Amino acid sequence: MAQVEIQLNGRDYRITCDDGQEARLHELAAYFDRHVSELAKELGQIGDARLMLLSALTVCDELFEAKARIADLEDATDNLDPDTAGAAGRAIEAAVARVNEIGDRLEEA
């Protein structure tokens, strides 16, 4: 097991992860820290626990919204003929790529 040091809201945390997952954990922590930082700017330092909770809820909301969009697209393909379903499948893949692209841009922000 590897240990990674991440920073959230200016505090260092040591996290254990599977070997080879260190870069991914840093990426996830940086993404989450951006949410924490944005809320801290907006609400002030209201305590780490509250900032973490509100940030976690914000990230969960993003995840649920993305899942709902994907489920809607998948459900729409169930009622299509095979030719149309193939095109719909490509549309879903494009939508997933777009969601990933938005996520990448959020990470860069």
PDB file of N, CA and C in Angstrom:
ATOM      1  N   MET A   1       0.845  -1.172   0.000  1.00  0.00           N
ATOM      2  CA  MET A   1       0.000   0.000   0.000  1.00  0.00           C
ATOM      3  C   MET A   1       0.894   1.239   0.000  1.00  0.00           C
ATOM      4  N   ALA A   2       0.468   2.210  -0.780  1.00  0.00           N
ATOM      5  CA  ALA A   2       1.203   3.472  -0.867  1.00  0.00           C
ATOM      6  C   ALA A   2       0.554   4.503   0.038  1.00  0.00           C
ATOM      7  N   GLN A   3       1.342   5.476   0.456  1.00  0.00           N
ATOM      8  CA  GLN A   3       0.803   6.587   1.224  1.00  0.00           C
ATOM      9  C   GLN A   3       1.015   7.863   0.421  1.00  0.00           C
ATOM     10  N   VAL A   4      -0.026   8.676   0.412  1.00  0.00           N
ATOM     11  CA  VAL A   4      -0.012   9.913  -0.349  1.00  0.00           C
ATOM     12  C   VAL A   4      -0.375  11.042   0.596  1.00  0.00           C
ATOM     13  N   GLU A   5       0.312  12.158   0.465  1.00  0.00           N
ATOM     14  CA  GLU A   5      -0.055  13.323   1.247  1.00  0.00           C
ATOM     15  C   GLU A   5      -0.818  14.275   0.330  1.00  0.00           C
ATOM     16  N   ILE A   6      -2.031  14.601   0.757  1.00  0.00           N
ATOM     17  CA  ILE A   6      -2.864  15.520  -0.011  1.00  0.00           C
ATOM     18  C   ILE A   6      -3.146  16.739   0.855  1.00  0.00           C
ATOM     19  N   GLN A   7      -3.619  17.784   0.212  1.00  0.00           N
ATOM     20  CA  GLN A   7      -3.946  18.996   0.948  1.00  0.00           C
ATOM     21  C   GLN A   7      -5.374  19.410   0.624  1.00  0.00           C
ATOM     22  N   LEU A   8      -6.148  19.649   1.681  1.00  0.00           N
ATOM     23  CA  LEU A   8      -7.513  20.136   1.546  1.00  0.00           C
ATOM     24  C   LEU A   8      -7.678  21.331   2.470  1.00  0.00           C
ATOM     25  N   ASN A   9      -8.113  22.424   1.894  1.00  0.00           N
ATOM     26  CA  ASN A   9      -8.356  23.646   2.651  1.00  0.00           C
ATOM     27  C   ASN A   9      -7.131  24.049   3.467  1.00  0.00           C
ATOM     28  N   GLY A  10      -5.960  23.880   2.853  1.00  0.00           N
ATOM     29  CA  GLY A  10      -4.718  24.290   3.497  1.00  0.00           C
ATOM     30  C   GLY A  10      -4.178  23.329   4.537  1.00  0.00           C
ATOM     31  N   ARG A  11      -4.825  22.213   4.730  1.00  0.00           N
ATOM     32  CA  ARG A  11      -4.365  21.219   5.703  1.00  0.00           C
ATOM     33  C   ARG A  11      -3.857  19.980   4.978  1.00  0.00           C
ATOM     34  N   ASP A  12      -2.801  19.407   5.531  1.00  0.00           N
ATOM     35  CA  ASP A  12      -2.227  18.195   4.959  1.00  0.00           C
ATOM     36  C   ASP A  12      -2.869  16.966   5.573  1.00  0.00           C
ATOM     37  N   TYR A  13      -3.124  15.982   4.713  1.00  0.00           N
ATOM     38  CA  TYR A  13      -3.680  14.706   5.150  1.00  0.00           C
ATOM     39  C   TYR A  13      -2.869  13.595   4.501  1.00  0.00           C
ATOM     40  N   ARG A  14      -2.561  12.573   5.277  1.00  0.00           N
ATOM     41  CA  ARG A  14      -1.870  11.399   4.739  1.00  0.00           C
ATOM     42  C   ARG A  14      -2.922  10.325   4.507  1.00  0.00           C
ATOM     43  N   ILE A  15      -2.977   9.833   3.265  1.00  0.00           N
ATOM     44  CA  ILE A  15      -3.981   8.855   2.836  1.00  0.00           C
ATOM     45  C   ILE A  15      -3.262   7.616   2.306  1.00  0.00           C
ATOM     46  N   THR A  16      -3.792   6.466   2.625  1.00  0.00           N
ATOM     47  CA  THR A  16      -3.267   5.211   2.098  1.00  0.00           C
ATOM     48  C   THR A  16      -4.087   4.816   0.880  1.00  0.00           C
ATOM     49  N   CYS A  17      -3.392   4.333  -0.142  1.00  0.00           N
ATOM     50  CA  CYS A  17      -4.080   3.890  -1.361  1.00  0.00           C
ATOM     51  C   CYS A  17      -3.334   2.703  -1.946  1.00  0.00           C
ATOM     52  N   ASP A  18      -3.964   2.058  -2.920  1.00  0.00           N
ATOM     53  CA  ASP A  18      -3.302   0.957  -3.619  1.00  0.00           C
ATOM     54  C   ASP A  18      -2.103   1.485  -4.389  1.00  0.00           C
ATOM     55  N   ASP A  19      -1.083   0.671  -4.488  1.00  0.00           N
ATOM     56  CA  ASP A  19       0.084   1.047  -5.287  1.00  0.00           C
ATOM     57  C   ASP A  19      -0.346   1.371  -6.713  1.00  0.00           C
ATOM     58  N   GLY A  20       0.200   2.422  -7.249  1.00  0.00           N
ATOM     59  CA  GLY A  20      -0.125   2.839  -8.610  1.00  0.00           C
ATOM     60  C   GLY A  20      -1.287   3.810  -8.691  1.00  0.00           C
ATOM     61  N   GLN A  21      -1.968   4.047  -7.586  1.00  0.00           N
ATOM     62  CA  GLN A  21      -3.133   4.940  -7.586  1.00  0.00           C
ATOM     63  C   GLN A  21      -2.804   6.337  -7.041  1.00  0.00           C
ATOM     64  N   GLU A  22      -1.538   6.588  -6.786  1.00  0.00           N
ATOM     65  CA  GLU A  22      -1.141   7.850  -6.179  1.00  0.00           C
ATOM     66  C   GLU A  22      -1.528   9.062  -7.025  1.00  0.00           C
ATOM     67  N   ALA A  23      -1.245   9.006  -8.303  1.00  0.00           N
ATOM     68  CA  ALA A  23      -1.555  10.147  -9.184  1.00  0.00           C
ATOM     69  C   ALA A  23      -3.061  10.391  -9.241  1.00  0.00           C
ATOM     70  N   ARG A  24      -3.832   9.327  -9.304  1.00  0.00           N
ATOM     71  CA  ARG A  24      -5.295   9.471  -9.340  1.00  0.00           C
ATOM     72  C   ARG A  24      -5.806  10.097  -8.043  1.00  0.00           C
ATOM     73  N   LEU A  25      -5.261   9.680  -6.919  1.00  0.00           N
ATOM     74  CA  LEU A  25      -5.674  10.237  -5.639  1.00  0.00           C
ATOM     75  C   LEU A  25      -5.338  11.730  -5.551  1.00  0.00           C
ATOM     76  N   HIS A  26      -4.158  12.109  -6.057  1.00  0.00           N
ATOM     77  CA  HIS A  26      -3.799  13.534  -6.101  1.00  0.00           C
ATOM     78  C   HIS A  26      -4.786  14.312  -6.977  1.00  0.00           C
ATOM     79  N   GLU A  27      -5.147  13.724  -8.099  1.00  0.00           N
ATOM     80  CA  GLU A  27      -6.096  14.360  -9.018  1.00  0.00           C
ATOM     81  C   GLU A  27      -7.458  14.551  -8.349  1.00  0.00           C
ATOM     82  N   LEU A  28      -7.949  13.514  -7.694  1.00  0.00           N
ATOM     83  CA  LEU A  28      -9.236  13.593  -7.007  1.00  0.00           C
ATOM     84  C   LEU A  28      -9.197  14.611  -5.870  1.00  0.00           C
ATOM     85  N   ALA A  29      -8.114  14.605  -5.110  1.00  0.00           N
ATOM     86  CA  ALA A  29      -7.988  15.546  -3.997  1.00  0.00           C
ATOM     87  C   ALA A  29      -7.942  16.987  -4.500  1.00  0.00           C
ATOM     88  N   ALA A  30      -7.244  17.220  -5.601  1.00  0.00           N
ATOM     89  CA  ALA A  30      -7.169  18.573  -6.153  1.00  0.00           C
ATOM     90  C   ALA A  30      -8.541  19.039  -6.631  1.00  0.00           C
ATOM     91  N   TYR A  31      -9.281  18.145  -7.254  1.00  0.00           N
ATOM     92  CA  TYR A  31     -10.630  18.474  -7.713  1.00  0.00           C
ATOM     93  C   TYR A  31     -11.521  18.837  -6.523  1.00  0.00           C
ATOM     94  N   PHE A  32     -11.472  18.011  -5.491  1.00  0.00           N
ATOM     95  CA  PHE A  32     -12.291  18.252  -4.306  1.00  0.00           C
ATOM     96  C   PHE A  32     -11.853  19.532  -3.598  1.00  0.00           C
ATOM     97  N   ASP A  33     -10.554  19.754  -3.527  1.00  0.00           N
ATOM     98  CA  ASP A  33     -10.043  20.954  -2.858  1.00  0.00           C
ATOM     99  C   ASP A  33     -10.518  22.221  -3.560  1.00  0.00           C
ATOM    100  N   ARG A  34     -10.669  22.164  -4.874  1.00  0.00           N
ATOM    101  CA  ARG A  34     -11.196  23.338  -5.594  1.00  0.00           C
ATOM    102  C   ARG A  34     -12.616  23.655  -5.123  1.00  0.00           C
ATOM    103  N   HIS A  35     -13.412  22.629  -4.912  1.00  0.00           N
ATOM    104  CA  HIS A  35     -14.767  22.841  -4.389  1.00  0.00           C
ATOM    105  C   HIS A  35     -14.715  23.435  -2.984  1.00  0.00           C
ATOM    106  N   VAL A  36     -13.851  22.886  -2.149  1.00  0.00           N
ATOM    107  CA  VAL A  36     -13.708  23.379  -0.777  1.00  0.00           C
ATOM    108  C   VAL A  36     -13.266  24.841  -0.808  1.00  0.00           C
ATOM    109  N   SER A  37     -12.288  25.152  -1.643  1.00  0.00           N
ATOM    110  CA  SER A  37     -11.769  26.520  -1.729  1.00  0.00           C
ATOM    111  C   SER A  37     -12.836  27.497  -2.203  1.00  0.00           C
ATOM    112  N   GLU A  38     -13.617  27.088  -3.188  1.00  0.00           N
ATOM    113  CA  GLU A  38     -14.689  27.952  -3.690  1.00  0.00           C
ATOM    114  C   GLU A  38     -15.712  28.243  -2.593  1.00  0.00           C
ATOM    115  N   LEU A  39     -16.091  27.213  -1.859  1.00  0.00           N
ATOM    116  CA  LEU A  39     -17.052  27.419  -0.776  1.00  0.00           C
ATOM    117  C   LEU A  39     -16.455  28.268   0.348  1.00  0.00           C
ATOM    118  N   ALA A  40     -15.175  28.075   0.637  1.00  0.00           N
ATOM    119  CA  ALA A  40     -14.522  28.865   1.679  1.00  0.00           C
ATOM    120  C   ALA A  40     -14.502  30.348   1.284  1.00  0.00           C
ATOM    121  N   LYS A  41     -14.269  30.610   0.003  1.00  0.00           N
ATOM    122  CA  LYS A  41     -14.300  32.004  -0.471  1.00  0.00           C
ATOM    123  C   LYS A  41     -15.703  32.580  -0.349  1.00  0.00           C
ATOM    124  N   GLU A  42     -16.687  31.775  -0.681  1.00  0.00           N
ATOM    125  CA  GLU A  42     -18.081  32.219  -0.671  1.00  0.00           C
ATOM    126  C   GLU A  42     -18.638  32.354   0.751  1.00  0.00           C
ATOM    127  N   LEU A  43     -18.345  31.376   1.604  1.00  0.00           N
ATOM    128  CA  LEU A  43     -18.956  31.325   2.930  1.00  0.00           C
ATOM    129  C   LEU A  43     -18.020  31.718   4.063  1.00  0.00           C
ATOM    130  N   GLY A  44     -16.729  31.820   3.763  1.00  0.00           N
ATOM    131  CA  GLY A  44     -15.754  32.052   4.815  1.00  0.00           C
ATOM    132  C   GLY A  44     -15.335  30.731   5.435  1.00  0.00           C
ATOM    133  N   GLN A  45     -14.434  30.806   6.384  1.00  0.00           N
ATOM    134  CA  GLN A  45     -13.962  29.590   7.050  1.00  0.00           C
ATOM    135  C   GLN A  45     -14.984  29.212   8.128  1.00  0.00           C
ATOM    136  N   ILE A  46     -15.933  28.395   7.737  1.00  0.00           N
ATOM    137  CA  ILE A  46     -17.027  27.999   8.630  1.00  0.00           C
ATOM    138  C   ILE A  46     -16.717  26.679   9.341  1.00  0.00           C
ATOM    139  N   GLY A  47     -15.480  26.265   9.276  1.00  0.00           N
ATOM    140  CA  GLY A  47     -15.064  25.003   9.900  1.00  0.00           C
ATOM    141  C   GLY A  47     -14.836  23.948   8.834  1.00  0.00           C
ATOM    142  N   ASP A  48     -13.784  23.167   9.046  1.00  0.00           N
ATOM    143  CA  ASP A  48     -13.435  22.130   8.067  1.00  0.00           C
ATOM    144  C   ASP A  48     -14.561  21.134   7.845  1.00  0.00           C
ATOM    145  N   ALA A  49     -15.199  20.707   8.917  1.00  0.00           N
ATOM    146  CA  ALA A  49     -16.240  19.687   8.772  1.00  0.00           C
ATOM    147  C   ALA A  49     -17.379  20.199   7.894  1.00  0.00           C
ATOM    148  N   ARG A  50     -17.830  21.411   8.129  1.00  0.00           N
ATOM    149  CA  ARG A  50     -18.920  21.963   7.312  1.00  0.00           C
ATOM    150  C   ARG A  50     -18.487  22.185   5.872  1.00  0.00           C
ATOM    151  N   LEU A  51     -17.270  22.711   5.686  1.00  0.00           N
ATOM    152  CA  LEU A  51     -16.784  22.913   4.317  1.00  0.00           C
ATOM    153  C   LEU A  51     -16.674  21.589   3.568  1.00  0.00           C
ATOM    154  N   MET A  52     -16.166  20.566   4.241  1.00  0.00           N
ATOM    155  CA  MET A  52     -16.033  19.252   3.607  1.00  0.00           C
ATOM    156  C   MET A  52     -17.405  18.681   3.281  1.00  0.00           C
ATOM    157  N   LEU A  53     -18.346  18.803   4.217  1.00  0.00           N
ATOM    158  CA  LEU A  53     -19.691  18.287   3.992  1.00  0.00           C
ATOM    159  C   LEU A  53     -20.356  18.986   2.816  1.00  0.00           C
ATOM    160  N   LEU A  54     -20.323  20.308   2.792  1.00  0.00           N
ATOM    161  CA  LEU A  54     -20.953  21.045   1.697  1.00  0.00           C
ATOM    162  C   LEU A  54     -20.274  20.756   0.365  1.00  0.00           C
ATOM    163  N   SER A  55     -18.964  20.617   0.383  1.00  0.00           N
ATOM    164  CA  SER A  55     -18.238  20.287  -0.841  1.00  0.00           C
ATOM    165  C   SER A  55     -18.580  18.886  -1.321  1.00  0.00           C
ATOM    166  N   ALA A  56     -18.660  17.945  -0.398  1.00  0.00           N
ATOM    167  CA  ALA A  56     -19.021  16.571  -0.763  1.00  0.00           C
ATOM    168  C   ALA A  56     -20.418  16.530  -1.371  1.00  0.00           C
ATOM    169  N   LEU A  57     -21.341  17.279  -0.783  1.00  0.00           N
ATOM    170  CA  LEU A  57     -22.698  17.323  -1.332  1.00  0.00           C
ATOM    171  C   LEU A  57     -22.710  17.945  -2.727  1.00  0.00           C
ATOM    172  N   THR A  58     -21.887  18.957  -2.944  1.00  0.00           N
ATOM    173  CA  THR A  58     -21.799  19.586  -4.264  1.00  0.00           C
ATOM    174  C   THR A  58     -21.277  18.596  -5.303  1.00  0.00           C
ATOM    175  N   VAL A  59     -20.237  17.859  -4.943  1.00  0.00           N
ATOM    176  CA  VAL A  59     -19.671  16.865  -5.864  1.00  0.00           C
ATOM    177  C   VAL A  59     -20.678  15.745  -6.111  1.00  0.00           C
ATOM    178  N   CYS A  60     -21.389  15.309  -5.069  1.00  0.00           N
ATOM    179  CA  CYS A  60     -22.429  14.280  -5.243  1.00  0.00           C
ATOM    180  C   CYS A  60     -23.529  14.769  -6.169  1.00  0.00           C
ATOM    181  N   ASP A  61     -23.894  16.032  -6.041  1.00  0.00           N
ATOM    182  CA  ASP A  61     -24.913  16.603  -6.917  1.00  0.00           C
ATOM    183  C   ASP A  61     -24.452  16.550  -8.371  1.00  0.00           C
ATOM    184  N   GLU A  62     -23.194  16.910  -8.627  1.00  0.00           N
ATOM    185  CA  GLU A  62     -22.642  16.820  -9.983  1.00  0.00           C
ATOM    186  C   GLU A  62     -22.699  15.383 -10.495  1.00  0.00           C
ATOM    187  N   LEU A  63     -22.314  14.447  -9.642  1.00  0.00           N
ATOM    188  CA  LEU A  63     -22.314  13.033 -10.031  1.00  0.00           C
ATOM    189  C   LEU A  63     -23.715  12.547 -10.341  1.00  0.00           C
ATOM    190  N   PHE A  64     -24.679  12.861  -9.471  1.00  0.00           N
ATOM    191  CA  PHE A  64     -26.054  12.423  -9.692  1.00  0.00           C
ATOM    192  C   PHE A  64     -26.611  13.025 -10.976  1.00  0.00           C
ATOM    193  N   GLU A  65     -26.302  14.278 -11.236  1.00  0.00           N
ATOM    194  CA  GLU A  65     -26.780  14.922 -12.462  1.00  0.00           C
ATOM    195  C   GLU A  65     -26.204  14.238 -13.697  1.00  0.00           C
ATOM    196  N   ALA A  66     -24.914  13.928 -13.660  1.00  0.00           N
ATOM    197  CA  ALA A  66     -24.281  13.254 -14.798  1.00  0.00           C
ATOM    198  C   ALA A  66     -24.861  11.851 -14.985  1.00  0.00           C
ATOM    199  N   LYS A  67     -25.070  11.123 -13.886  1.00  0.00           N
ATOM    200  CA  LYS A  67     -25.658   9.784 -13.973  1.00  0.00           C
ATOM    201  C   LYS A  67     -27.074   9.834 -14.536  1.00  0.00           C
ATOM    202  N   ALA A  68     -27.841  10.820 -14.108  1.00  0.00           N
ATOM    203  CA  ALA A  68     -29.214  10.946 -14.603  1.00  0.00           C
ATOM    204  C   ALA A  68     -29.220  11.225 -16.097  1.00  0.00           C
ATOM    205  N   ARG A  69     -28.315  12.075 -16.546  1.00  0.00           N
ATOM    206  CA  ARG A  69     -28.240  12.368 -17.977  1.00  0.00           C
ATOM    207  C   ARG A  69     -27.871  11.123 -18.768  1.00  0.00           C
ATOM    208  N   ILE A  70     -26.929  10.355 -18.265  1.00  0.00           N
ATOM    209  CA  ILE A  70     -26.524   9.125 -18.946  1.00  0.00           C
ATOM    210  C   ILE A  70     -27.667   8.115 -18.952  1.00  0.00           C
ATOM    211  N   ALA A  71     -28.362   7.963 -17.815  1.00  0.00           N
ATOM    212  CA  ALA A  71     -29.493   7.031 -17.738  1.00  0.00           C
ATOM    213  C   ALA A  71     -30.597   7.439 -18.701  1.00  0.00           C
ATOM    214  N   ASP A  72     -30.883   8.737 -18.789  1.00  0.00           N
ATOM    215  CA  ASP A  72     -31.895   9.215 -19.734  1.00  0.00           C
ATOM    216  C   ASP A  72     -31.524   8.856 -21.162  1.00  0.00           C
ATOM    217  N   LEU A  73     -30.263   9.028 -21.500  1.00  0.00           N
ATOM    218  CA  LEU A  73     -29.817   8.694 -22.852  1.00  0.00           C
ATOM    219  C   LEU A  73     -29.890   7.187 -23.096  1.00  0.00           C
ATOM    220  N   GLU A  74     -29.511   6.395 -22.112  1.00  0.00           N
ATOM    221  CA  GLU A  74     -29.576   4.941 -22.268  1.00  0.00           C
ATOM    222  C   GLU A  74     -31.022   4.471 -22.391  1.00  0.00           C
ATOM    223  N   ASP A  75     -31.925   5.043 -21.586  1.00  0.00           N
ATOM    224  CA  ASP A  75     -33.341   4.673 -21.662  1.00  0.00           C
ATOM    225  C   ASP A  75     -33.920   5.021 -23.027  1.00  0.00           C
ATOM    226  N   ALA A  76     -33.490   6.124 -23.573  1.00  0.00           N
ATOM    227  CA  ALA A  76     -34.006   6.550 -24.874  1.00  0.00           C
ATOM    228  C   ALA A  76     -33.632   5.551 -25.964  1.00  0.00           C
ATOM    229  N   THR A  77     -32.495   4.880 -25.825  1.00  0.00           N
ATOM    230  CA  THR A  77     -32.072   3.922 -26.854  1.00  0.00           C
ATOM    231  C   THR A  77     -32.846   2.614 -26.787  1.00  0.00           C
ATOM    232  N   ASP A  78     -33.444   2.302 -25.636  1.00  0.00           N
ATOM    233  CA  ASP A  78     -34.182   1.046 -25.491  1.00  0.00           C
ATOM    234  C   ASP A  78     -35.369   0.951 -26.446  1.00  0.00           C
ATOM    235  N   ASN A  79     -35.936   2.064 -26.825  1.00  0.00           N
ATOM    236  CA  ASN A  79     -37.125   2.079 -27.679  1.00  0.00           C
ATOM    237  C   ASN A  79     -36.813   2.328 -29.150  1.00  0.00           C
ATOM    238  N   LEU A  80     -35.559   2.240 -29.530  1.00  0.00           N
ATOM    239  CA  LEU A  80     -35.165   2.552 -30.904  1.00  0.00           C
ATOM    240  C   LEU A  80     -34.886   1.285 -31.699  1.00  0.00           C
ATOM    241  N   ASP A  81     -35.094   1.384 -33.011  1.00  0.00           N
ATOM    242  CA  ASP A  81     -34.718   0.258 -33.874  1.00  0.00           C
ATOM    243  C   ASP A  81     -33.189   0.178 -33.908  1.00  0.00           C
ATOM    244  N   PRO A  82     -32.629  -0.959 -34.354  1.00  0.00           N
ATOM    245  CA  PRO A  82     -31.178  -1.149 -34.292  1.00  0.00           C
ATOM    246  C   PRO A  82     -30.370  -0.067 -35.006  1.00  0.00           C
ATOM    247  N   ASP A  83     -30.826   0.395 -36.172  1.00  0.00           N
ATOM    248  CA  ASP A  83     -30.067   1.430 -36.874  1.00  0.00           C
ATOM    249  C   ASP A  83     -30.044   2.731 -36.091  1.00  0.00           C
ATOM    250  N   THR A  84     -31.189   3.094 -35.590  1.00  0.00           N
ATOM    251  CA  THR A  84     -31.275   4.324 -34.811  1.00  0.00           C
ATOM    252  C   THR A  84     -30.528   4.162 -33.496  1.00  0.00           C
ATOM    253  N   ALA A  85     -30.593   2.966 -32.902  1.00  0.00           N
ATOM    254  CA  ALA A  85     -29.893   2.717 -31.642  1.00  0.00           C
ATOM    255  C   ALA A  85     -28.391   2.889 -31.817  1.00  0.00           C
ATOM    256  N   GLY A  86     -27.865   2.476 -32.961  1.00  0.00           N
ATOM    257  CA  GLY A  86     -26.430   2.654 -33.216  1.00  0.00           C
ATOM    258  C   GLY A  86     -26.060   4.125 -33.217  1.00  0.00           C
ATOM    259  N   ALA A  87     -26.882   4.917 -33.861  1.00  0.00           N
ATOM    260  CA  ALA A  87     -26.639   6.354 -33.870  1.00  0.00           C
ATOM    261  C   ALA A  87     -26.801   6.932 -32.472  1.00  0.00           C
ATOM    262  N   ALA A  88     -27.790   6.434 -31.744  1.00  0.00           N
ATOM    263  CA  ALA A  88     -28.006   6.905 -30.372  1.00  0.00           C
ATOM    264  C   ALA A  88     -26.820   6.523 -29.482  1.00  0.00           C
ATOM    265  N   GLY A  89     -26.288   5.342 -29.718  1.00  0.00           N
ATOM    266  CA  GLY A  89     -25.111   4.905 -28.958  1.00  0.00           C
ATOM    267  C   GLY A  89     -23.947   5.852 -29.159  1.00  0.00           C
ATOM    268  N   ARG A  90     -23.772   6.277 -30.402  1.00  0.00           N
ATOM    269  CA  ARG A  90     -22.708   7.244 -30.686  1.00  0.00           C
ATOM    270  C   ARG A  90     -23.010   8.579 -30.003  1.00  0.00           C
ATOM    271  N   ALA A  91     -24.275   8.949 -29.956  1.00  0.00           N
ATOM    272  CA  ALA A  91     -24.659  10.195 -29.281  1.00  0.00           C
ATOM    273  C   ALA A  91     -24.375  10.094 -27.786  1.00  0.00           C
ATOM    274  N   ILE A  92     -24.647   8.928 -27.214  1.00  0.00           N
ATOM    275  CA  ILE A  92     -24.361   8.731 -25.786  1.00  0.00           C
ATOM    276  C   ILE A  92     -22.858   8.818 -25.543  1.00  0.00           C
ATOM    277  N   GLU A  93     -22.088   8.175 -26.401  1.00  0.00           N
ATOM    278  CA  GLU A  93     -20.637   8.244 -26.261  1.00  0.00           C
ATOM    279  C   GLU A  93     -20.160   9.687 -26.356  1.00  0.00           C
ATOM    280  N   ALA A  94     -20.750  10.455 -27.260  1.00  0.00           N
ATOM    281  CA  ALA A  94     -20.392  11.863 -27.386  1.00  0.00           C
ATOM    282  C   ALA A  94     -20.779  12.635 -26.127  1.00  0.00           C
ATOM    283  N   ALA A  95     -21.945  12.294 -25.559  1.00  0.00           N
ATOM    284  CA  ALA A  95     -22.389  12.970 -24.332  1.00  0.00           C
ATOM    285  C   ALA A  95     -21.453  12.632 -23.168  1.00  0.00           C
ATOM    286  N   VAL A  96     -21.049  11.373 -23.078  1.00  0.00           N
ATOM    287  CA  VAL A  96     -20.117  10.972 -22.019  1.00  0.00           C
ATOM    288  C   VAL A  96     -18.790  11.704 -22.205  1.00  0.00           C
ATOM    289  N   ALA A  97     -18.328  11.794 -23.430  1.00  0.00           N
ATOM    290  CA  ALA A  97     -17.087  12.522 -23.701  1.00  0.00           C
ATOM    291  C   ALA A  97     -17.232  13.983 -23.304  1.00  0.00           C
ATOM    292  N   ARG A  98     -18.399  14.550 -23.564  1.00  0.00           N
ATOM    293  CA  ARG A  98     -18.652  15.952 -23.205  1.00  0.00           C
ATOM    294  C   ARG A  98     -18.649  16.133 -21.686  1.00  0.00           C
ATOM    295  N   VAL A  99     -19.280  15.208 -20.965  1.00  0.00           N
ATOM    296  CA  VAL A  99     -19.284  15.270 -19.495  1.00  0.00           C
ATOM    297  C   VAL A  99     -17.849  15.166 -18.979  1.00  0.00           C
ATOM    298  N   ASN A 100     -17.067  14.256 -19.552  1.00  0.00           N
ATOM    299  CA  ASN A 100     -15.670  14.119 -19.147  1.00  0.00           C
ATOM    300  C   ASN A 100     -14.878  15.384 -19.458  1.00  0.00           C
ATOM    301  N   GLU A 101     -15.149  15.979 -20.608  1.00  0.00           N
ATOM    302  CA  GLU A 101     -14.479  17.218 -20.996  1.00  0.00           C
ATOM    303  C   GLU A 101     -14.806  18.344 -20.017  1.00  0.00           C
ATOM    304  N   ILE A 102     -16.067  18.433 -19.622  1.00  0.00           N
ATOM    305  CA  ILE A 102     -16.475  19.450 -18.642  1.00  0.00           C
ATOM    306  C   ILE A 102     -15.771  19.191 -17.322  1.00  0.00           C
ATOM    307  N   GLY A 103     -15.706  17.939 -16.921  1.00  0.00           N
ATOM    308  CA  GLY A 103     -14.992  17.587 -15.690  1.00  0.00           C
ATOM    309  C   GLY A 103     -13.527  17.968 -15.751  1.00  0.00           C
ATOM    310  N   ASP A 104     -12.895  17.726 -16.914  1.00  0.00           N
ATOM    311  CA  ASP A 104     -11.481  18.109 -17.083  1.00  0.00           C
ATOM    312  C   ASP A 104     -11.306  19.609 -16.982  1.00  0.00           C
ATOM    313  N   ARG A 105     -12.233  20.365 -17.588  1.00  0.00           N
ATOM    314  CA  ARG A 105     -12.151  21.821 -17.510  1.00  0.00           C
ATOM    315  C   ARG A 105     -12.362  22.315 -16.090  1.00  0.00           C
ATOM    316  N   LEU A 106     -13.237  21.651 -15.346  1.00  0.00           N
ATOM    317  CA  LEU A 106     -13.447  22.020 -13.945  1.00  0.00           C
ATOM    318  C   LEU A 106     -12.188  21.764 -13.141  1.00  0.00           C
ATOM    319  N   GLU A 107     -11.512  20.659 -13.456  1.00  0.00           N
ATOM    320  CA  GLU A 107     -10.271  20.344 -12.744  1.00  0.00           C
ATOM    321  C   GLU A 107      -9.202  21.384 -13.031  1.00  0.00           C
ATOM    322  N   GLU A 108      -9.169  21.904 -14.248  1.00  0.00           N
ATOM    323  CA  GLU A 108      -8.162  22.885 -14.630  1.00  0.00           C
ATOM    324  C   GLU A 108      -8.452  24.254 -14.045  1.00  0.00           C
ATOM    325  N   ALA A 109      -9.706  24.507 -13.733  1.00  0.00           N
ATOM    326  CA  ALA A 109     -10.104  25.834 -13.238  1.00  0.00           C
ATOM    327  C   ALA A 109      -9.557  26.104 -11.861  1.00  0.00           C
TER     328      ALA A 109
END
